[in-house]
Amino acid sequence: MKSLTAFLKMTIVGGALYLIPIVLILIVLGKLHGMTTKVVAPLAQELELHDIGGVNAARLLAIVAIVLLCFLAGLFARTNVAQQFVGWLERAILSNLPGYSMISTLGADVAGTGDGQPHMQVVLARIEDSWQVGLLVERIDETHSAVFVPGAPDPKSGSIYLMTDDRFKAIDVRIPQAMKWIKGLGIGSRELFAGRI
């Protein structure tokens, strides 16, 4: 009964952590759509557009404006000015937030937007009498490394271990697979780790 309660609690917390960013994005997009609709409504009236394919013209123009704005922001993000600003923002503010650097690097590795070299590698770390799934964060010297062991179901939290290289081994598992396994509380272990332990 106790394990069932713990499972339900962890699953509910994991579900909330999964849903919160999605809900926030939907709220922001909804507010942006509302503001944009107010801005383009006079344009739709001026052009005498009322409905396009059964959809309110102002709402449709607002969606087109948001997509165009995202496209222009994406183009701007590629410029040196934007990259210098983001670099300054990361150095001055974001790097002071707990876990930002690790999450940023992990996101770049998963999305394939880094410098082409994987920054982290999935490993099995030997902690006491068990193996833990971890990420090789950085090599310290010839025999020591920093290994991050994510928590479940939220892989953004966890512990960092400074380990000798004989205490962990790299495995052929991609980071998204490992993160999905952690969020799923170990479901799919046989498929992921059979023959690798």
N, C-alpha and C. Protein backbone atom coordinates (compact mmCIF):
# COMPACT_ATOMS: atom_id res chain seq x y z
N MET A 1 0.82 -1.19 0.00
CA MET A 1 0.00 0.00 0.00
C MET A 1 0.87 1.26 0.00
N LYS A 2 1.97 1.21 0.80
CA LYS A 2 2.85 2.36 0.89
C LYS A 2 3.51 2.64 -0.45
N SER A 3 3.92 1.56 -1.16
CA SER A 3 4.57 1.74 -2.46
C SER A 3 3.57 2.28 -3.49
N LEU A 4 2.31 1.88 -3.40
CA LEU A 4 1.29 2.40 -4.30
C LEU A 4 1.08 3.89 -4.07
N THR A 5 1.03 4.29 -2.79
CA THR A 5 0.88 5.72 -2.47
C THR A 5 2.06 6.51 -2.99
N ALA A 6 3.28 5.98 -2.81
CA ALA A 6 4.48 6.66 -3.30
C ALA A 6 4.46 6.76 -4.82
N PHE A 7 4.02 5.66 -5.49
CA PHE A 7 3.94 5.67 -6.95
C PHE A 7 2.94 6.72 -7.43
N LEU A 8 1.75 6.76 -6.80
CA LEU A 8 0.74 7.73 -7.19
C LEU A 8 1.23 9.16 -6.97
N LYS A 9 1.87 9.38 -5.83
CA LYS A 9 2.38 10.72 -5.52
C LYS A 9 3.43 11.15 -6.55
N MET A 10 4.38 10.28 -6.84
CA MET A 10 5.44 10.60 -7.79
C MET A 10 4.87 10.80 -9.20
N THR A 11 3.89 10.00 -9.58
CA THR A 11 3.28 10.12 -10.90
C THR A 11 2.52 11.44 -11.04
N ILE A 12 1.80 11.82 -9.98
CA ILE A 12 1.06 13.09 -10.01
C ILE A 12 2.03 14.26 -10.09
N VAL A 13 3.09 14.22 -9.28
CA VAL A 13 4.09 15.30 -9.30
C VAL A 13 4.76 15.35 -10.67
N GLY A 14 5.13 14.19 -11.22
CA GLY A 14 5.74 14.14 -12.55
C GLY A 14 4.81 14.69 -13.62
N GLY A 15 3.53 14.36 -13.53
CA GLY A 15 2.56 14.87 -14.48
C GLY A 15 2.41 16.38 -14.38
N ALA A 16 2.41 16.89 -13.16
CA ALA A 16 2.32 18.34 -12.96
C ALA A 16 3.54 19.04 -13.55
N LEU A 17 4.73 18.48 -13.29
CA LEU A 17 5.95 19.08 -13.83
C LEU A 17 5.96 19.03 -15.35
N TYR A 18 5.32 18.02 -15.93
CA TYR A 18 5.23 17.91 -17.39
C TYR A 18 4.24 18.93 -17.95
N LEU A 19 3.11 19.11 -17.25
CA LEU A 19 2.04 19.96 -17.77
C LEU A 19 2.29 21.46 -17.56
N ILE A 20 2.98 21.84 -16.50
CA ILE A 20 3.15 23.26 -16.19
C ILE A 20 3.76 24.04 -17.35
N PRO A 21 4.89 23.59 -17.95
CA PRO A 21 5.43 24.36 -19.07
C PRO A 21 4.46 24.46 -20.26
N ILE A 22 3.73 23.38 -20.54
CA ILE A 22 2.78 23.39 -21.66
C ILE A 22 1.67 24.40 -21.39
N VAL A 23 1.14 24.39 -20.17
CA VAL A 23 0.08 25.33 -19.81
C VAL A 23 0.59 26.77 -19.89
N LEU A 24 1.81 27.01 -19.39
CA LEU A 24 2.37 28.36 -19.45
C LEU A 24 2.52 28.83 -20.90
N ILE A 25 2.99 27.95 -21.78
CA ILE A 25 3.13 28.31 -23.19
C ILE A 25 1.77 28.64 -23.79
N LEU A 26 0.75 27.83 -23.48
CA LEU A 26 -0.59 28.08 -24.00
C LEU A 26 -1.15 29.40 -23.48
N ILE A 27 -0.88 29.72 -22.21
CA ILE A 27 -1.36 30.99 -21.64
C ILE A 27 -0.69 32.16 -22.35
N VAL A 28 0.64 32.07 -22.53
CA VAL A 28 1.37 33.15 -23.19
C VAL A 28 0.87 33.32 -24.63
N LEU A 29 0.71 32.20 -25.36
CA LEU A 29 0.21 32.28 -26.73
C LEU A 29 -1.20 32.86 -26.78
N GLY A 30 -2.04 32.47 -25.82
CA GLY A 30 -3.40 33.01 -25.76
C GLY A 30 -3.41 34.52 -25.54
N LYS A 31 -2.57 34.98 -24.59
CA LYS A 31 -2.48 36.43 -24.34
C LYS A 31 -1.94 37.15 -25.57
N LEU A 32 -0.89 36.57 -26.20
CA LEU A 32 -0.30 37.18 -27.39
C LEU A 32 -1.32 37.25 -28.52
N HIS A 33 -2.11 36.18 -28.67
CA HIS A 33 -3.15 36.15 -29.71
C HIS A 33 -4.20 37.22 -29.44
N GLY A 34 -4.60 37.39 -28.18
CA GLY A 34 -5.58 38.41 -27.83
C GLY A 34 -5.07 39.82 -28.13
N MET A 35 -3.81 40.10 -27.77
CA MET A 35 -3.24 41.42 -28.04
C MET A 35 -3.09 41.66 -29.53
N THR A 36 -2.62 40.64 -30.25
CA THR A 36 -2.43 40.78 -31.69
C THR A 36 -3.75 40.97 -32.41
N THR A 37 -4.79 40.28 -31.96
CA THR A 37 -6.12 40.42 -32.58
C THR A 37 -6.61 41.86 -32.45
N LYS A 38 -6.39 42.48 -31.28
CA LYS A 38 -6.81 43.88 -31.09
C LYS A 38 -6.06 44.81 -32.04
N VAL A 39 -4.78 44.49 -32.29
CA VAL A 39 -3.97 45.34 -33.16
C VAL A 39 -4.40 45.21 -34.62
N VAL A 40 -4.67 43.97 -35.07
CA VAL A 40 -4.97 43.76 -36.49
C VAL A 40 -6.46 43.92 -36.82
N ALA A 41 -7.32 44.00 -35.82
CA ALA A 41 -8.76 44.14 -36.08
C ALA A 41 -9.08 45.38 -36.92
N PRO A 42 -8.48 46.55 -36.61
CA PRO A 42 -8.75 47.71 -37.48
C PRO A 42 -8.28 47.49 -38.92
N LEU A 43 -7.17 46.77 -39.10
CA LEU A 43 -6.69 46.48 -40.46
C LEU A 43 -7.70 45.60 -41.19
N ALA A 44 -8.23 44.59 -40.50
CA ALA A 44 -9.23 43.71 -41.12
C ALA A 44 -10.48 44.49 -41.52
N GLN A 45 -10.90 45.45 -40.66
CA GLN A 45 -12.06 46.27 -40.99
C GLN A 45 -11.76 47.19 -42.17
N GLU A 46 -10.56 47.76 -42.20
CA GLU A 46 -10.16 48.66 -43.29
C GLU A 46 -10.17 47.92 -44.61
N LEU A 47 -9.71 46.65 -44.59
CA LEU A 47 -9.68 45.84 -45.81
C LEU A 47 -11.02 45.18 -46.08
N GLU A 48 -12.02 45.45 -45.21
CA GLU A 48 -13.35 44.87 -45.31
C GLU A 48 -13.32 43.34 -45.35
N LEU A 49 -12.45 42.78 -44.50
CA LEU A 49 -12.39 41.33 -44.34
C LEU A 49 -13.17 40.97 -43.08
N HIS A 50 -14.15 40.11 -43.23
CA HIS A 50 -14.96 39.73 -42.07
C HIS A 50 -14.70 38.26 -41.71
N ASP A 51 -14.87 37.39 -42.67
CA ASP A 51 -14.61 35.97 -42.46
C ASP A 51 -13.81 35.43 -43.63
N ILE A 52 -12.88 34.55 -43.30
CA ILE A 52 -12.11 33.86 -44.35
C ILE A 52 -12.27 32.37 -44.08
N GLY A 53 -13.02 31.72 -44.95
CA GLY A 53 -13.27 30.29 -44.77
C GLY A 53 -14.00 29.98 -43.48
N GLY A 54 -14.88 30.88 -43.04
CA GLY A 54 -15.64 30.65 -41.83
C GLY A 54 -14.92 31.06 -40.56
N VAL A 55 -13.68 31.57 -40.69
CA VAL A 55 -12.90 31.98 -39.53
C VAL A 55 -12.84 33.50 -39.52
N ASN A 56 -13.01 34.09 -38.34
CA ASN A 56 -12.93 35.54 -38.19
C ASN A 56 -11.61 36.04 -38.75
N ALA A 57 -11.66 37.00 -39.66
CA ALA A 57 -10.46 37.50 -40.36
C ALA A 57 -9.45 38.08 -39.39
N ALA A 58 -9.91 38.81 -38.36
CA ALA A 58 -8.97 39.40 -37.40
C ALA A 58 -8.20 38.32 -36.66
N ARG A 59 -8.89 37.25 -36.28
CA ARG A 59 -8.20 36.15 -35.57
C ARG A 59 -7.19 35.47 -36.49
N LEU A 60 -7.58 35.27 -37.75
CA LEU A 60 -6.68 34.63 -38.71
C LEU A 60 -5.45 35.51 -38.97
N LEU A 61 -5.67 36.82 -39.13
CA LEU A 61 -4.55 37.75 -39.33
C LEU A 61 -3.65 37.77 -38.09
N ALA A 62 -4.24 37.65 -36.90
CA ALA A 62 -3.44 37.62 -35.67
C ALA A 62 -2.53 36.40 -35.64
N ILE A 63 -3.05 35.24 -36.07
CA ILE A 63 -2.23 34.02 -36.11
C ILE A 63 -1.10 34.18 -37.12
N VAL A 64 -1.42 34.75 -38.30
CA VAL A 64 -0.37 34.99 -39.31
C VAL A 64 0.68 35.94 -38.75
N ALA A 65 0.24 36.97 -38.04
CA ALA A 65 1.19 37.94 -37.46
C ALA A 65 2.09 37.28 -36.42
N ILE A 66 1.53 36.39 -35.59
CA ILE A 66 2.33 35.69 -34.57
C ILE A 66 3.37 34.80 -35.24
N VAL A 67 2.95 34.05 -36.28
CA VAL A 67 3.89 33.18 -37.00
C VAL A 67 5.00 34.02 -37.64
N LEU A 68 4.62 35.14 -38.24
CA LEU A 68 5.61 36.04 -38.85
C LEU A 68 6.56 36.61 -37.80
N LEU A 69 6.02 36.98 -36.65
CA LEU A 69 6.84 37.50 -35.56
C LEU A 69 7.84 36.45 -35.08
N CYS A 70 7.38 35.20 -34.93
CA CYS A 70 8.28 34.11 -34.53
C CYS A 70 9.38 33.90 -35.57
N PHE A 71 9.01 33.97 -36.85
CA PHE A 71 9.99 33.81 -37.92
C PHE A 71 11.03 34.92 -37.86
N LEU A 72 10.58 36.17 -37.71
CA LEU A 72 11.51 37.30 -37.63
C LEU A 72 12.40 37.19 -36.38
N ALA A 73 11.82 36.75 -35.26
CA ALA A 73 12.61 36.55 -34.04
C ALA A 73 13.66 35.47 -34.26
N GLY A 74 13.29 34.42 -35.00
CA GLY A 74 14.25 33.36 -35.32
C GLY A 74 15.38 33.86 -36.19
N LEU A 75 15.05 34.71 -37.16
CA LEU A 75 16.10 35.32 -38.00
C LEU A 75 17.01 36.21 -37.16
N PHE A 76 16.41 37.01 -36.28
CA PHE A 76 17.20 37.89 -35.42
C PHE A 76 18.10 37.08 -34.49
N ALA A 77 17.60 35.95 -34.00
CA ALA A 77 18.37 35.13 -33.06
C ALA A 77 19.67 34.61 -33.69
N ARG A 78 19.73 34.56 -35.03
CA ARG A 78 20.92 34.09 -35.71
C ARG A 78 21.98 35.18 -35.88
N THR A 79 21.63 36.43 -35.60
CA THR A 79 22.59 37.53 -35.80
C THR A 79 23.60 37.58 -34.66
N ASN A 80 24.74 38.22 -34.94
CA ASN A 80 25.78 38.37 -33.92
C ASN A 80 25.28 39.20 -32.74
N VAL A 81 24.49 40.23 -33.02
CA VAL A 81 23.98 41.10 -31.95
C VAL A 81 23.15 40.27 -30.96
N ALA A 82 22.24 39.44 -31.48
CA ALA A 82 21.39 38.62 -30.62
C ALA A 82 22.22 37.61 -29.85
N GLN A 83 23.19 36.98 -30.51
CA GLN A 83 24.02 35.98 -29.83
C GLN A 83 24.88 36.62 -28.75
N GLN A 84 25.37 37.83 -28.99
CA GLN A 84 26.14 38.53 -27.96
C GLN A 84 25.25 38.90 -26.78
N PHE A 85 24.01 39.31 -27.07
CA PHE A 85 23.07 39.65 -26.00
C PHE A 85 22.75 38.41 -25.16
N VAL A 86 22.47 37.29 -25.82
CA VAL A 86 22.15 36.06 -25.10
C VAL A 86 23.37 35.61 -24.29
N GLY A 87 24.57 35.74 -24.87
CA GLY A 87 25.79 35.39 -24.13
C GLY A 87 25.94 36.23 -22.88
N TRP A 88 25.69 37.55 -23.01
CA TRP A 88 25.76 38.43 -21.84
C TRP A 88 24.70 38.04 -20.82
N LEU A 89 23.47 37.76 -21.29
CA LEU A 89 22.38 37.39 -20.40
C LEU A 89 22.72 36.10 -19.63
N GLU A 90 23.30 35.13 -20.33
CA GLU A 90 23.67 33.88 -19.67
C GLU A 90 24.78 34.11 -18.63
N ARG A 91 25.80 34.90 -19.01
CA ARG A 91 26.91 35.14 -18.08
C ARG A 91 26.47 35.97 -16.87
N ALA A 92 25.68 37.01 -17.11
CA ALA A 92 25.34 37.95 -16.05
C ALA A 92 24.20 37.48 -15.15
N ILE A 93 23.22 36.78 -15.72
CA ILE A 93 22.03 36.46 -14.94
C ILE A 93 21.73 34.96 -14.87
N LEU A 94 21.55 34.35 -16.05
CA LEU A 94 21.05 32.97 -16.08
C LEU A 94 22.01 31.96 -15.46
N SER A 95 23.33 32.19 -15.61
CA SER A 95 24.29 31.23 -15.05
C SER A 95 24.23 31.19 -13.53
N ASN A 96 23.62 32.20 -12.91
CA ASN A 96 23.47 32.22 -11.45
C ASN A 96 22.27 31.41 -10.97
N LEU A 97 21.42 31.00 -11.91
CA LEU A 97 20.27 30.18 -11.54
C LEU A 97 20.71 28.73 -11.38
N PRO A 98 20.30 28.07 -10.30
CA PRO A 98 20.73 26.69 -10.08
C PRO A 98 20.33 25.77 -11.23
N GLY A 99 21.30 25.06 -11.76
CA GLY A 99 21.04 24.06 -12.79
C GLY A 99 20.92 24.59 -14.20
N TYR A 100 21.01 25.93 -14.39
CA TYR A 100 20.80 26.48 -15.73
C TYR A 100 21.83 25.96 -16.73
N SER A 101 23.10 25.98 -16.35
CA SER A 101 24.15 25.54 -17.28
C SER A 101 23.95 24.10 -17.71
N MET A 102 23.63 23.24 -16.75
CA MET A 102 23.43 21.82 -17.08
C MET A 102 22.22 21.65 -17.98
N ILE A 103 21.12 22.34 -17.68
CA ILE A 103 19.91 22.20 -18.49
C ILE A 103 20.13 22.77 -19.88
N SER A 104 20.85 23.89 -19.97
CA SER A 104 21.14 24.50 -21.26
C SER A 104 21.98 23.57 -22.13
N THR A 105 23.03 22.99 -21.54
CA THR A 105 23.88 22.06 -22.28
C THR A 105 23.12 20.81 -22.68
N LEU A 106 22.33 20.29 -21.75
CA LEU A 106 21.52 19.10 -22.04
C LEU A 106 20.54 19.38 -23.16
N GLY A 107 19.90 20.55 -23.13
CA GLY A 107 18.96 20.92 -24.18
C GLY A 107 19.63 21.02 -25.53
N ALA A 108 20.83 21.60 -25.56
CA ALA A 108 21.58 21.71 -26.83
C ALA A 108 21.95 20.33 -27.35
N ASP A 109 22.34 19.42 -26.45
CA ASP A 109 22.69 18.06 -26.88
C ASP A 109 21.48 17.34 -27.45
N VAL A 110 20.34 17.45 -26.76
CA VAL A 110 19.12 16.76 -27.20
C VAL A 110 18.63 17.34 -28.53
N ALA A 111 18.66 18.68 -28.64
CA ALA A 111 18.15 19.33 -29.85
C ALA A 111 19.14 19.29 -31.00
N GLY A 112 20.41 18.97 -30.71
CA GLY A 112 21.43 18.96 -31.75
C GLY A 112 21.81 20.35 -32.20
N THR A 113 21.67 21.35 -31.30
CA THR A 113 22.00 22.72 -31.65
C THR A 113 23.32 23.18 -31.06
N GLY A 114 24.08 22.27 -30.47
CA GLY A 114 25.36 22.63 -29.88
C GLY A 114 26.42 22.79 -30.95
N ASP A 115 27.67 22.66 -30.54
CA ASP A 115 28.78 22.86 -31.47
C ASP A 115 29.13 21.60 -32.25
N GLY A 116 28.24 20.60 -32.21
CA GLY A 116 28.49 19.38 -32.96
C GLY A 116 29.13 18.30 -32.11
N GLN A 117 29.73 18.67 -31.00
CA GLN A 117 30.35 17.71 -30.11
C GLN A 117 29.40 17.44 -28.95
N PRO A 118 29.09 16.17 -28.65
CA PRO A 118 28.20 15.91 -27.52
C PRO A 118 28.86 16.36 -26.23
N HIS A 119 28.13 17.11 -25.42
CA HIS A 119 28.68 17.60 -24.16
C HIS A 119 28.51 16.59 -23.05
N MET A 120 27.48 15.77 -23.15
CA MET A 120 27.20 14.79 -22.11
C MET A 120 26.99 13.42 -22.74
N GLN A 121 27.25 12.42 -21.93
CA GLN A 121 27.10 11.05 -22.40
C GLN A 121 26.41 10.25 -21.31
N VAL A 122 25.50 9.39 -21.70
CA VAL A 122 24.80 8.55 -20.72
C VAL A 122 25.77 7.49 -20.21
N VAL A 123 25.80 7.34 -18.88
CA VAL A 123 26.66 6.35 -18.25
C VAL A 123 25.88 5.60 -17.18
N LEU A 124 26.41 4.46 -16.79
CA LEU A 124 25.93 3.77 -15.60
C LEU A 124 26.97 4.02 -14.52
N ALA A 125 26.54 4.68 -13.44
CA ALA A 125 27.45 5.03 -12.35
C ALA A 125 27.25 4.04 -11.20
N ARG A 126 28.36 3.54 -10.68
CA ARG A 126 28.31 2.59 -9.56
C ARG A 126 28.28 3.39 -8.26
N ILE A 127 27.13 3.36 -7.59
CA ILE A 127 26.97 4.07 -6.32
C ILE A 127 26.54 3.03 -5.28
N GLU A 128 27.42 2.83 -4.32
CA GLU A 128 27.26 1.78 -3.32
C GLU A 128 27.12 0.44 -4.04
N ASP A 129 26.01 -0.27 -3.84
CA ASP A 129 25.87 -1.60 -4.44
C ASP A 129 24.95 -1.61 -5.64
N SER A 130 24.72 -0.46 -6.25
CA SER A 130 23.79 -0.45 -7.38
C SER A 130 24.32 0.44 -8.50
N TRP A 131 23.74 0.24 -9.68
CA TRP A 131 24.05 1.08 -10.83
C TRP A 131 22.99 2.17 -10.91
N GLN A 132 23.42 3.40 -11.19
CA GLN A 132 22.52 4.52 -11.38
C GLN A 132 22.75 5.07 -12.78
N VAL A 133 21.68 5.45 -13.45
CA VAL A 133 21.83 6.11 -14.75
C VAL A 133 22.28 7.53 -14.49
N GLY A 134 23.34 7.93 -15.20
CA GLY A 134 23.88 9.27 -15.01
C GLY A 134 24.33 9.87 -16.33
N LEU A 135 24.82 11.08 -16.23
CA LEU A 135 25.37 11.78 -17.39
C LEU A 135 26.80 12.19 -17.07
N LEU A 136 27.70 11.77 -17.94
CA LEU A 136 29.08 12.21 -17.81
C LEU A 136 29.11 13.68 -18.22
N VAL A 137 29.30 14.57 -17.24
CA VAL A 137 29.23 16.00 -17.49
C VAL A 137 30.57 16.53 -17.99
N GLU A 138 31.66 16.12 -17.30
CA GLU A 138 32.95 16.69 -17.64
C GLU A 138 34.07 15.82 -17.10
N ARG A 139 35.11 15.69 -17.88
CA ARG A 139 36.32 15.00 -17.40
C ARG A 139 37.15 16.00 -16.62
N ILE A 140 37.60 15.60 -15.44
CA ILE A 140 38.40 16.49 -14.60
C ILE A 140 39.88 16.32 -14.92
N ASP A 141 40.32 15.07 -14.97
CA ASP A 141 41.70 14.76 -15.35
C ASP A 141 41.71 13.36 -15.94
N GLU A 142 42.85 12.71 -15.98
CA GLU A 142 42.95 11.39 -16.62
C GLU A 142 42.14 10.31 -15.91
N THR A 143 41.87 10.49 -14.62
CA THR A 143 41.21 9.41 -13.87
C THR A 143 39.94 9.84 -13.14
N HIS A 144 39.57 11.11 -13.20
CA HIS A 144 38.40 11.58 -12.46
C HIS A 144 37.44 12.34 -13.39
N SER A 145 36.14 12.22 -13.08
CA SER A 145 35.12 12.88 -13.88
C SER A 145 33.98 13.35 -12.99
N ALA A 146 33.23 14.32 -13.49
CA ALA A 146 32.00 14.76 -12.83
C ALA A 146 30.83 14.05 -13.49
N VAL A 147 30.02 13.38 -12.69
CA VAL A 147 28.87 12.63 -13.19
C VAL A 147 27.61 13.16 -12.49
N PHE A 148 26.62 13.52 -13.29
CA PHE A 148 25.34 13.98 -12.75
C PHE A 148 24.37 12.80 -12.78
N VAL A 149 23.78 12.49 -11.64
CA VAL A 149 22.79 11.41 -11.54
C VAL A 149 21.43 12.06 -11.34
N PRO A 150 20.57 12.06 -12.39
CA PRO A 150 19.26 12.71 -12.29
C PRO A 150 18.33 11.99 -11.33
N GLY A 151 17.40 12.77 -10.78
CA GLY A 151 16.37 12.19 -9.93
C GLY A 151 15.16 11.80 -10.77
N ALA A 152 14.31 10.96 -10.19
CA ALA A 152 13.09 10.55 -10.89
C ALA A 152 11.89 11.04 -10.08
N PRO A 153 10.86 11.52 -10.71
CA PRO A 153 10.62 11.58 -12.15
C PRO A 153 11.11 12.88 -12.80
N ASP A 154 11.75 13.75 -12.02
CA ASP A 154 12.21 15.04 -12.56
C ASP A 154 13.72 15.00 -12.77
N PRO A 155 14.17 14.75 -14.01
CA PRO A 155 15.60 14.63 -14.25
C PRO A 155 16.37 15.94 -14.12
N LYS A 156 15.68 17.07 -13.92
CA LYS A 156 16.39 18.34 -13.73
C LYS A 156 17.01 18.42 -12.34
N SER A 157 16.51 17.62 -11.41
CA SER A 157 17.11 17.59 -10.08
C SER A 157 17.88 16.28 -9.93
N GLY A 158 18.84 16.28 -9.04
CA GLY A 158 19.64 15.09 -8.83
C GLY A 158 20.88 15.42 -8.04
N SER A 159 21.91 14.59 -8.18
CA SER A 159 23.16 14.77 -7.44
C SER A 159 24.35 14.71 -8.39
N ILE A 160 25.40 15.43 -8.03
CA ILE A 160 26.64 15.43 -8.79
C ILE A 160 27.68 14.64 -8.00
N TYR A 161 28.36 13.73 -8.68
CA TYR A 161 29.39 12.92 -8.05
C TYR A 161 30.72 13.15 -8.77
N LEU A 162 31.77 13.30 -8.00
CA LEU A 162 33.11 13.30 -8.56
C LEU A 162 33.63 11.89 -8.40
N MET A 163 33.85 11.20 -9.52
CA MET A 163 34.12 9.76 -9.49
C MET A 163 35.39 9.43 -10.24
N THR A 164 36.00 8.33 -9.80
CA THR A 164 37.09 7.78 -10.60
C THR A 164 36.47 7.04 -11.77
N ASP A 165 37.21 6.95 -12.85
CA ASP A 165 36.65 6.39 -14.09
C ASP A 165 36.24 4.92 -13.96
N ASP A 166 36.78 4.21 -12.97
CA ASP A 166 36.39 2.81 -12.80
C ASP A 166 35.02 2.67 -12.12
N ARG A 167 34.43 3.78 -11.69
CA ARG A 167 33.13 3.75 -11.01
C ARG A 167 31.95 3.98 -11.94
N PHE A 168 32.22 4.20 -13.23
CA PHE A 168 31.12 4.37 -14.18
C PHE A 168 31.55 3.82 -15.53
N LYS A 169 30.54 3.51 -16.35
CA LYS A 169 30.85 3.05 -17.70
C LYS A 169 29.85 3.66 -18.68
N ALA A 170 30.35 4.09 -19.81
CA ALA A 170 29.51 4.67 -20.86
C ALA A 170 28.66 3.57 -21.48
N ILE A 171 27.43 3.90 -21.82
CA ILE A 171 26.55 2.94 -22.47
C ILE A 171 25.97 3.58 -23.72
N ASP A 172 25.59 2.75 -24.66
CA ASP A 172 25.07 3.22 -25.94
C ASP A 172 23.57 3.49 -25.83
N VAL A 173 23.23 4.54 -25.07
CA VAL A 173 21.85 4.97 -24.89
C VAL A 173 21.84 6.47 -25.14
N ARG A 174 20.89 6.94 -25.94
CA ARG A 174 20.81 8.37 -26.22
C ARG A 174 20.17 9.10 -25.04
N ILE A 175 20.53 10.38 -24.88
CA ILE A 175 20.03 11.17 -23.76
C ILE A 175 18.50 11.22 -23.72
N PRO A 176 17.80 11.46 -24.86
CA PRO A 176 16.32 11.47 -24.78
C PRO A 176 15.74 10.15 -24.28
N GLN A 177 16.36 9.02 -24.66
CA GLN A 177 15.88 7.72 -24.18
C GLN A 177 16.04 7.62 -22.66
N ALA A 178 17.21 8.04 -22.16
CA ALA A 178 17.46 7.98 -20.73
C ALA A 178 16.51 8.89 -19.96
N MET A 179 16.25 10.10 -20.49
CA MET A 179 15.35 11.03 -19.81
C MET A 179 13.92 10.48 -19.78
N LYS A 180 13.50 9.86 -20.88
CA LYS A 180 12.16 9.26 -20.92
C LYS A 180 12.05 8.13 -19.90
N TRP A 181 13.12 7.34 -19.77
CA TRP A 181 13.13 6.24 -18.82
C TRP A 181 13.04 6.77 -17.39
N ILE A 182 13.77 7.85 -17.10
CA ILE A 182 13.75 8.43 -15.75
C ILE A 182 12.37 8.99 -15.44
N LYS A 183 11.78 9.72 -16.39
CA LYS A 183 10.44 10.28 -16.17
C LYS A 183 9.40 9.18 -16.02
N GLY A 184 9.63 8.04 -16.66
CA GLY A 184 8.71 6.91 -16.58
C GLY A 184 8.95 6.02 -15.39
N LEU A 185 9.81 6.46 -14.45
CA LEU A 185 10.10 5.73 -13.22
C LEU A 185 10.61 4.31 -13.48
N GLY A 186 11.42 4.16 -14.54
CA GLY A 186 12.07 2.88 -14.79
C GLY A 186 11.32 1.94 -15.70
N ILE A 187 10.16 2.34 -16.19
CA ILE A 187 9.41 1.47 -17.09
C ILE A 187 10.19 1.36 -18.40
N GLY A 188 10.36 0.15 -18.89
CA GLY A 188 11.13 -0.09 -20.10
C GLY A 188 12.59 -0.41 -19.83
N SER A 189 12.90 -0.78 -18.59
CA SER A 189 14.29 -1.07 -18.21
C SER A 189 14.87 -2.24 -19.01
N ARG A 190 14.08 -3.27 -19.23
CA ARG A 190 14.59 -4.44 -19.93
C ARG A 190 15.05 -4.08 -21.34
N GLU A 191 14.22 -3.32 -22.05
CA GLU A 191 14.57 -2.95 -23.42
C GLU A 191 15.79 -2.04 -23.48
N LEU A 192 15.94 -1.17 -22.48
CA LEU A 192 17.00 -0.17 -22.50
C LEU A 192 18.33 -0.71 -21.99
N PHE A 193 18.29 -1.60 -21.00
CA PHE A 193 19.55 -1.97 -20.32
C PHE A 193 19.92 -3.45 -20.43
N ALA A 194 19.09 -4.26 -21.07
CA ALA A 194 19.45 -5.69 -21.17
C ALA A 194 20.78 -5.82 -21.89
N GLY A 195 21.72 -6.52 -21.27
CA GLY A 195 23.03 -6.74 -21.86
C GLY A 195 24.00 -5.57 -21.69
N ARG A 196 23.56 -4.51 -21.02
CA ARG A 196 24.43 -3.34 -20.84
C ARG A 196 24.94 -3.21 -19.41
N ILE A 197 24.35 -3.94 -18.48
CA ILE A 197 24.78 -3.83 -17.08
C ILE A 197 25.89 -4.83 -16.81
